[in-house]
Amino acid sequence: MELYLATDHAGFDLKESLKAAAEELGVNFLDLGTHSKDSVHYPQIAENFCQSVIDSGKNLDHPCGVLICGSGIGVSIKANRFPAIRAALTWTPEVAKLAKEHNNANVLCLPARFISIEEAKACISIWLQSEFVGGRHADRVKML
């Protein structure tokens, strides 16, 4: 599986650790930056990420990316401004699983300052393994 991966400077170390764990996670990350710890603006990173996902023509009903910033909040706010994106801020595997099962989240947002690499890997792993359950949740997703 291929997943887009992007972060601001606060999440640089977590992004690099996730890239190193890609094989363990069974994914190939397409690194959209940032490529250093130099300060950048998270809204620009999130916008470029979302535009890349949309422009790629990927089936957005399947997991397609991980966005990281210090709290995860800023990138999730920006990402959810794009109609084809359903970004979910996650910090535990249980939340990541529900994000996919109930909200059909196609972007996972991680809080670099509040999550360990092991927790991040667990969140990504369970999110990739989970399936959207549909039913009443499909009606709710349509309302989004």
N, C-alpha and C. Protein backbone atom coordinates (compact mmCIF):
# COMPACT_ATOMS: atom_id res chain seq x y z
N MET A 1 0.85 -1.18 0.00
CA MET A 1 0.00 0.00 0.00
C MET A 1 0.89 1.24 0.00
N GLU A 2 0.41 2.26 -0.67
CA GLU A 2 1.10 3.54 -0.73
C GLU A 2 0.32 4.59 0.04
N LEU A 3 1.02 5.33 0.90
CA LEU A 3 0.40 6.39 1.67
C LEU A 3 1.22 7.67 1.55
N TYR A 4 0.54 8.78 1.37
CA TYR A 4 1.21 10.06 1.46
C TYR A 4 1.54 10.34 2.92
N LEU A 5 2.64 11.05 3.13
CA LEU A 5 3.09 11.38 4.47
C LEU A 5 3.64 12.80 4.44
N ALA A 6 3.16 13.65 5.35
CA ALA A 6 3.66 15.02 5.41
C ALA A 6 3.59 15.53 6.84
N THR A 7 4.46 16.48 7.13
CA THR A 7 4.54 17.05 8.47
C THR A 7 5.09 18.47 8.42
N ASP A 8 4.87 19.18 9.51
CA ASP A 8 5.58 20.44 9.70
C ASP A 8 6.86 20.11 10.47
N HIS A 9 7.59 21.12 10.87
CA HIS A 9 8.86 20.92 11.57
C HIS A 9 8.69 20.18 12.91
N ALA A 10 7.57 20.38 13.58
CA ALA A 10 7.36 19.74 14.88
C ALA A 10 7.26 18.22 14.77
N GLY A 11 6.81 17.74 13.63
CA GLY A 11 6.65 16.31 13.45
C GLY A 11 7.74 15.65 12.62
N PHE A 12 8.79 16.40 12.32
CA PHE A 12 9.84 15.88 11.45
C PHE A 12 10.41 14.56 11.97
N ASP A 13 10.78 14.50 13.24
CA ASP A 13 11.38 13.28 13.79
C ASP A 13 10.40 12.10 13.73
N LEU A 14 9.14 12.34 14.04
CA LEU A 14 8.14 11.27 13.97
C LEU A 14 7.98 10.79 12.53
N LYS A 15 7.94 11.71 11.58
CA LYS A 15 7.83 11.34 10.16
C LYS A 15 9.00 10.45 9.75
N GLU A 16 10.19 10.85 10.12
CA GLU A 16 11.37 10.07 9.76
C GLU A 16 11.33 8.68 10.40
N SER A 17 10.87 8.59 11.63
CA SER A 17 10.74 7.29 12.31
C SER A 17 9.69 6.43 11.62
N LEU A 18 8.60 7.03 11.19
CA LEU A 18 7.56 6.26 10.48
C LEU A 18 8.07 5.75 9.14
N LYS A 19 8.83 6.58 8.45
CA LYS A 19 9.42 6.14 7.18
C LYS A 19 10.32 4.93 7.40
N ALA A 20 11.09 4.96 8.49
CA ALA A 20 11.98 3.85 8.81
C ALA A 20 11.19 2.58 9.15
N ALA A 21 9.98 2.75 9.66
CA ALA A 21 9.14 1.61 10.04
C ALA A 21 8.17 1.20 8.93
N ALA A 22 8.31 1.76 7.76
CA ALA A 22 7.35 1.52 6.67
C ALA A 22 7.19 0.04 6.34
N GLU A 23 8.29 -0.67 6.25
CA GLU A 23 8.21 -2.09 5.91
C GLU A 23 7.46 -2.86 6.99
N GLU A 24 7.75 -2.54 8.23
CA GLU A 24 7.06 -3.17 9.37
C GLU A 24 5.55 -2.90 9.30
N LEU A 25 5.18 -1.71 8.83
CA LEU A 25 3.77 -1.34 8.71
C LEU A 25 3.13 -1.86 7.42
N GLY A 26 3.94 -2.32 6.49
CA GLY A 26 3.43 -2.81 5.22
C GLY A 26 3.00 -1.71 4.27
N VAL A 27 3.67 -0.56 4.36
CA VAL A 27 3.32 0.57 3.49
C VAL A 27 4.56 1.16 2.84
N ASN A 28 4.33 1.87 1.78
CA ASN A 28 5.35 2.68 1.14
C ASN A 28 4.90 4.12 1.31
N PHE A 29 5.65 4.89 2.08
CA PHE A 29 5.31 6.29 2.29
C PHE A 29 5.87 7.15 1.17
N LEU A 30 5.03 8.03 0.64
CA LEU A 30 5.47 9.04 -0.31
C LEU A 30 5.66 10.32 0.50
N ASP A 31 6.90 10.67 0.75
CA ASP A 31 7.24 11.78 1.64
C ASP A 31 7.04 13.12 0.95
N LEU A 32 6.06 13.88 1.43
CA LEU A 32 5.77 15.19 0.87
C LEU A 32 6.38 16.33 1.70
N GLY A 33 7.25 15.98 2.63
CA GLY A 33 7.93 17.01 3.42
C GLY A 33 7.27 17.22 4.76
N THR A 34 7.83 18.07 5.46
CA THR A 34 9.00 18.88 5.28
C THR A 34 10.23 18.00 5.40
N HIS A 35 11.35 18.50 4.92
CA HIS A 35 12.55 17.67 4.86
C HIS A 35 13.64 18.12 5.82
N SER A 36 13.27 18.93 6.80
CA SER A 36 14.22 19.37 7.83
C SER A 36 13.42 19.86 9.04
N LYS A 37 14.13 20.25 10.07
CA LYS A 37 13.49 20.79 11.27
C LYS A 37 13.34 22.30 11.19
N ASP A 38 13.64 22.89 10.02
CA ASP A 38 13.44 24.33 9.85
C ASP A 38 11.96 24.65 9.93
N SER A 39 11.64 25.76 10.57
CA SER A 39 10.24 26.15 10.77
C SER A 39 9.50 26.33 9.46
N VAL A 40 8.32 25.76 9.38
CA VAL A 40 7.43 25.91 8.23
C VAL A 40 6.02 26.15 8.76
N HIS A 41 5.12 26.52 7.88
CA HIS A 41 3.73 26.78 8.26
C HIS A 41 2.89 25.53 7.99
N TYR A 42 2.32 24.96 9.05
CA TYR A 42 1.54 23.73 8.89
C TYR A 42 0.37 23.86 7.92
N PRO A 43 -0.30 25.03 7.80
CA PRO A 43 -1.40 25.09 6.82
C PRO A 43 -0.92 24.87 5.38
N GLN A 44 0.27 25.35 5.06
CA GLN A 44 0.80 25.13 3.71
C GLN A 44 1.15 23.67 3.49
N ILE A 45 1.72 23.04 4.49
CA ILE A 45 2.05 21.62 4.39
C ILE A 45 0.77 20.81 4.18
N ALA A 46 -0.25 21.08 4.98
CA ALA A 46 -1.52 20.34 4.85
C ALA A 46 -2.18 20.59 3.51
N GLU A 47 -2.15 21.83 3.03
CA GLU A 47 -2.75 22.14 1.74
C GLU A 47 -2.04 21.40 0.61
N ASN A 48 -0.72 21.43 0.61
CA ASN A 48 0.04 20.72 -0.43
C ASN A 48 -0.23 19.22 -0.37
N PHE A 49 -0.31 18.68 0.82
CA PHE A 49 -0.61 17.26 1.02
C PHE A 49 -1.97 16.92 0.41
N CYS A 50 -3.00 17.68 0.80
CA CYS A 50 -4.36 17.41 0.32
C CYS A 50 -4.45 17.56 -1.19
N GLN A 51 -3.81 18.57 -1.72
CA GLN A 51 -3.85 18.77 -3.17
C GLN A 51 -3.16 17.60 -3.89
N SER A 52 -2.08 17.10 -3.33
CA SER A 52 -1.40 15.94 -3.92
C SER A 52 -2.29 14.71 -3.90
N VAL A 53 -2.97 14.49 -2.78
CA VAL A 53 -3.88 13.34 -2.68
C VAL A 53 -4.99 13.47 -3.72
N ILE A 54 -5.58 14.63 -3.81
CA ILE A 54 -6.69 14.84 -4.76
C ILE A 54 -6.21 14.74 -6.21
N ASP A 55 -5.08 15.38 -6.51
CA ASP A 55 -4.54 15.37 -7.88
C ASP A 55 -4.10 13.99 -8.34
N SER A 56 -3.74 13.14 -7.39
CA SER A 56 -3.25 11.81 -7.76
C SER A 56 -4.36 10.92 -8.32
N GLY A 57 -5.59 11.30 -8.06
CA GLY A 57 -6.70 10.48 -8.53
C GLY A 57 -6.90 9.22 -7.71
N LYS A 58 -6.27 9.17 -6.54
CA LYS A 58 -6.44 8.00 -5.68
C LYS A 58 -7.91 7.84 -5.30
N ASN A 59 -8.30 6.60 -5.09
CA ASN A 59 -9.64 6.32 -4.58
C ASN A 59 -9.67 6.79 -3.13
N LEU A 60 -10.37 7.87 -2.87
CA LEU A 60 -10.35 8.46 -1.54
C LEU A 60 -11.22 7.72 -0.53
N ASP A 61 -11.81 6.60 -0.92
CA ASP A 61 -12.54 5.80 0.04
C ASP A 61 -11.62 4.82 0.76
N HIS A 62 -10.35 4.85 0.42
CA HIS A 62 -9.37 3.99 1.07
C HIS A 62 -8.32 4.87 1.74
N PRO A 63 -7.67 4.35 2.79
CA PRO A 63 -6.65 5.16 3.45
C PRO A 63 -5.64 5.69 2.45
N CYS A 64 -5.30 6.94 2.59
CA CYS A 64 -4.37 7.50 1.61
C CYS A 64 -3.35 8.44 2.21
N GLY A 65 -3.37 8.73 3.51
CA GLY A 65 -2.34 9.60 4.00
C GLY A 65 -2.31 9.83 5.49
N VAL A 66 -1.12 10.26 5.92
CA VAL A 66 -0.87 10.59 7.32
C VAL A 66 -0.28 11.99 7.36
N LEU A 67 -0.92 12.86 8.13
CA LEU A 67 -0.47 14.23 8.33
C LEU A 67 -0.06 14.41 9.79
N ILE A 68 1.03 15.12 10.00
CA ILE A 68 1.55 15.29 11.36
C ILE A 68 1.86 16.76 11.61
N CYS A 69 1.53 17.23 12.80
CA CYS A 69 2.03 18.51 13.30
C CYS A 69 2.17 18.35 14.81
N GLY A 70 2.55 19.39 15.49
CA GLY A 70 2.80 19.28 16.93
C GLY A 70 1.62 18.72 17.70
N SER A 71 0.44 19.28 17.50
CA SER A 71 -0.75 18.82 18.21
C SER A 71 -1.66 17.96 17.33
N GLY A 72 -1.47 18.00 16.03
CA GLY A 72 -2.35 17.31 15.09
C GLY A 72 -3.60 18.11 14.77
N ILE A 73 -3.88 19.11 15.57
CA ILE A 73 -5.10 19.89 15.41
C ILE A 73 -5.04 20.78 14.18
N GLY A 74 -3.96 21.52 14.01
CA GLY A 74 -3.86 22.45 12.89
C GLY A 74 -3.98 21.78 11.54
N VAL A 75 -3.25 20.66 11.35
CA VAL A 75 -3.33 19.98 10.05
C VAL A 75 -4.71 19.37 9.82
N SER A 76 -5.35 18.91 10.89
CA SER A 76 -6.68 18.32 10.71
C SER A 76 -7.70 19.39 10.35
N ILE A 77 -7.60 20.57 10.94
CA ILE A 77 -8.51 21.67 10.58
C ILE A 77 -8.33 22.03 9.12
N LYS A 78 -7.09 22.22 8.69
CA LYS A 78 -6.83 22.60 7.30
C LYS A 78 -7.28 21.50 6.33
N ALA A 79 -6.93 20.25 6.63
CA ALA A 79 -7.26 19.15 5.72
C ALA A 79 -8.76 19.00 5.53
N ASN A 80 -9.53 19.21 6.58
CA ASN A 80 -10.98 19.04 6.49
C ASN A 80 -11.68 20.16 5.73
N ARG A 81 -10.94 21.12 5.27
CA ARG A 81 -11.52 22.16 4.41
C ARG A 81 -11.66 21.67 2.96
N PHE A 82 -11.04 20.54 2.64
CA PHE A 82 -11.11 19.96 1.29
C PHE A 82 -12.25 18.96 1.25
N PRO A 83 -13.19 19.11 0.31
CA PRO A 83 -14.37 18.25 0.29
C PRO A 83 -14.09 16.75 0.21
N ALA A 84 -13.02 16.35 -0.45
CA ALA A 84 -12.74 14.92 -0.62
C ALA A 84 -11.96 14.32 0.54
N ILE A 85 -11.62 15.13 1.51
CA ILE A 85 -10.79 14.67 2.63
C ILE A 85 -11.64 14.54 3.89
N ARG A 86 -11.43 13.42 4.58
CA ARG A 86 -12.01 13.20 5.90
C ARG A 86 -10.84 12.90 6.83
N ALA A 87 -10.33 13.95 7.45
CA ALA A 87 -9.14 13.84 8.31
C ALA A 87 -9.56 13.66 9.76
N ALA A 88 -8.90 12.73 10.44
CA ALA A 88 -9.23 12.45 11.84
C ALA A 88 -7.98 12.55 12.70
N LEU A 89 -8.07 13.38 13.73
CA LEU A 89 -7.01 13.49 14.72
C LEU A 89 -7.07 12.25 15.61
N THR A 90 -5.97 11.50 15.65
CA THR A 90 -5.96 10.27 16.43
C THR A 90 -4.72 10.22 17.33
N TRP A 91 -4.87 9.57 18.46
CA TRP A 91 -3.77 9.46 19.41
C TRP A 91 -3.73 8.10 20.07
N THR A 92 -4.74 7.27 19.83
CA THR A 92 -4.73 5.89 20.33
C THR A 92 -5.21 4.98 19.20
N PRO A 93 -4.86 3.71 19.26
CA PRO A 93 -5.35 2.77 18.24
C PRO A 93 -6.88 2.69 18.22
N GLU A 94 -7.50 2.80 19.38
CA GLU A 94 -8.97 2.73 19.43
C GLU A 94 -9.61 3.88 18.66
N VAL A 95 -9.06 5.08 18.83
CA VAL A 95 -9.58 6.24 18.11
C VAL A 95 -9.33 6.09 16.60
N ALA A 96 -8.15 5.58 16.23
CA ALA A 96 -7.84 5.37 14.81
C ALA A 96 -8.80 4.36 14.18
N LYS A 97 -9.10 3.31 14.91
CA LYS A 97 -10.03 2.28 14.40
C LYS A 97 -11.41 2.87 14.19
N LEU A 98 -11.90 3.63 15.16
CA LEU A 98 -13.22 4.25 15.03
C LEU A 98 -13.24 5.29 13.91
N ALA A 99 -12.12 5.99 13.71
CA ALA A 99 -12.05 6.98 12.64
C ALA A 99 -12.32 6.33 11.29
N LYS A 100 -11.81 5.12 11.10
CA LYS A 100 -12.04 4.40 9.84
C LYS A 100 -13.42 3.75 9.83
N GLU A 101 -13.77 3.04 10.90
CA GLU A 101 -15.02 2.28 10.93
C GLU A 101 -16.26 3.18 10.87
N HIS A 102 -16.24 4.28 11.59
CA HIS A 102 -17.44 5.11 11.70
C HIS A 102 -17.42 6.35 10.82
N ASN A 103 -16.23 6.87 10.51
CA ASN A 103 -16.14 8.12 9.76
C ASN A 103 -15.49 7.97 8.40
N ASN A 104 -15.04 6.76 8.08
CA ASN A 104 -14.37 6.48 6.81
C ASN A 104 -13.23 7.48 6.56
N ALA A 105 -12.47 7.78 7.63
CA ALA A 105 -11.37 8.75 7.53
C ALA A 105 -10.33 8.25 6.53
N ASN A 106 -9.96 9.15 5.60
CA ASN A 106 -8.93 8.79 4.63
C ASN A 106 -7.61 9.51 4.89
N VAL A 107 -7.58 10.33 5.92
CA VAL A 107 -6.34 10.97 6.37
C VAL A 107 -6.27 10.84 7.89
N LEU A 108 -5.15 10.33 8.35
CA LEU A 108 -4.91 10.19 9.77
C LEU A 108 -4.00 11.33 10.20
N CYS A 109 -4.42 12.10 11.19
CA CYS A 109 -3.61 13.21 11.71
C CYS A 109 -3.04 12.80 13.07
N LEU A 110 -1.74 12.96 13.21
CA LEU A 110 -1.07 12.55 14.43
C LEU A 110 -0.45 13.74 15.16
N PRO A 111 -0.52 13.75 16.50
CA PRO A 111 0.06 14.82 17.31
C PRO A 111 1.48 14.49 17.75
N ALA A 112 2.47 14.96 17.01
CA ALA A 112 3.86 14.57 17.25
C ALA A 112 4.34 14.83 18.68
N ARG A 113 3.84 15.87 19.31
CA ARG A 113 4.29 16.20 20.66
C ARG A 113 3.62 15.38 21.75
N PHE A 114 2.63 14.58 21.37
CA PHE A 114 1.85 13.86 22.37
C PHE A 114 1.70 12.37 22.08
N ILE A 115 2.50 11.84 21.15
CA ILE A 115 2.38 10.44 20.78
C ILE A 115 3.78 9.87 20.56
N SER A 116 3.99 8.64 20.98
CA SER A 116 5.28 7.98 20.75
C SER A 116 5.29 7.33 19.38
N ILE A 117 6.45 6.95 18.92
CA ILE A 117 6.53 6.25 17.64
C ILE A 117 5.75 4.94 17.71
N GLU A 118 5.83 4.24 18.83
CA GLU A 118 5.09 2.98 18.95
C GLU A 118 3.58 3.21 18.89
N GLU A 119 3.10 4.26 19.55
CA GLU A 119 1.67 4.58 19.50
C GLU A 119 1.27 4.99 18.08
N ALA A 120 2.11 5.76 17.42
CA ALA A 120 1.81 6.19 16.05
C ALA A 120 1.74 4.98 15.11
N LYS A 121 2.68 4.07 15.24
CA LYS A 121 2.67 2.87 14.41
C LYS A 121 1.41 2.04 14.68
N ALA A 122 1.03 1.93 15.94
CA ALA A 122 -0.18 1.17 16.28
C ALA A 122 -1.42 1.83 15.69
N CYS A 123 -1.48 3.16 15.72
CA CYS A 123 -2.61 3.88 15.15
C CYS A 123 -2.70 3.64 13.64
N ILE A 124 -1.58 3.76 12.96
CA ILE A 124 -1.57 3.56 11.50
C ILE A 124 -1.93 2.12 11.17
N SER A 125 -1.36 1.19 11.89
CA SER A 125 -1.61 -0.22 11.61
C SER A 125 -3.08 -0.59 11.74
N ILE A 126 -3.70 -0.20 12.85
CA ILE A 126 -5.11 -0.55 13.05
C ILE A 126 -6.01 0.19 12.06
N TRP A 127 -5.66 1.43 11.73
CA TRP A 127 -6.42 2.21 10.75
C TRP A 127 -6.39 1.53 9.40
N LEU A 128 -5.23 1.03 9.00
CA LEU A 128 -5.11 0.34 7.70
C LEU A 128 -5.86 -0.98 7.68
N GLN A 129 -5.95 -1.63 8.82
CA GLN A 129 -6.64 -2.93 8.90
C GLN A 129 -8.15 -2.80 9.03
N SER A 130 -8.60 -1.63 9.43
CA SER A 130 -10.03 -1.43 9.69
C SER A 130 -10.79 -1.15 8.40
N GLU A 131 -12.06 -1.45 8.44
CA GLU A 131 -12.95 -1.22 7.30
C GLU A 131 -14.10 -0.32 7.73
N PHE A 132 -14.54 0.51 6.82
CA PHE A 132 -15.72 1.33 7.06
C PHE A 132 -16.92 0.41 7.18
N VAL A 133 -17.71 0.56 8.26
CA VAL A 133 -18.82 -0.36 8.49
C VAL A 133 -20.08 0.02 7.73
N GLY A 134 -20.15 1.24 7.23
CA GLY A 134 -21.32 1.65 6.47
C GLY A 134 -22.57 1.76 7.33
N GLY A 135 -23.70 1.33 6.77
CA GLY A 135 -24.96 1.40 7.51
C GLY A 135 -25.30 2.83 7.90
N ARG A 136 -25.72 3.00 9.14
CA ARG A 136 -26.08 4.33 9.61
C ARG A 136 -24.91 5.31 9.53
N HIS A 137 -23.68 4.76 9.59
CA HIS A 137 -22.49 5.60 9.51
C HIS A 137 -22.32 6.18 8.10
N ALA A 138 -22.74 5.44 7.09
CA ALA A 138 -22.66 5.93 5.70
C ALA A 138 -23.56 7.15 5.54
N ASP A 139 -24.74 7.09 6.13
CA ASP A 139 -25.64 8.25 6.07
C ASP A 139 -25.00 9.45 6.74
N ARG A 140 -24.33 9.24 7.85
CA ARG A 140 -23.70 10.34 8.58
C ARG A 140 -22.50 10.91 7.81
N VAL A 141 -21.73 10.04 7.19
CA VAL A 141 -20.59 10.51 6.39
C VAL A 141 -21.08 11.37 5.24
N LYS A 142 -22.19 10.99 4.63
CA LYS A 142 -22.75 11.80 3.54
C LYS A 142 -23.12 13.20 4.02
N MET A 143 -23.50 13.31 5.29
CA MET A 143 -23.86 14.60 5.85
C MET A 143 -22.66 15.51 6.08
N LEU A 144 -21.47 14.92 6.11
CA LEU A 144 -20.27 15.70 6.34
C LEU A 144 -19.97 16.58 5.13
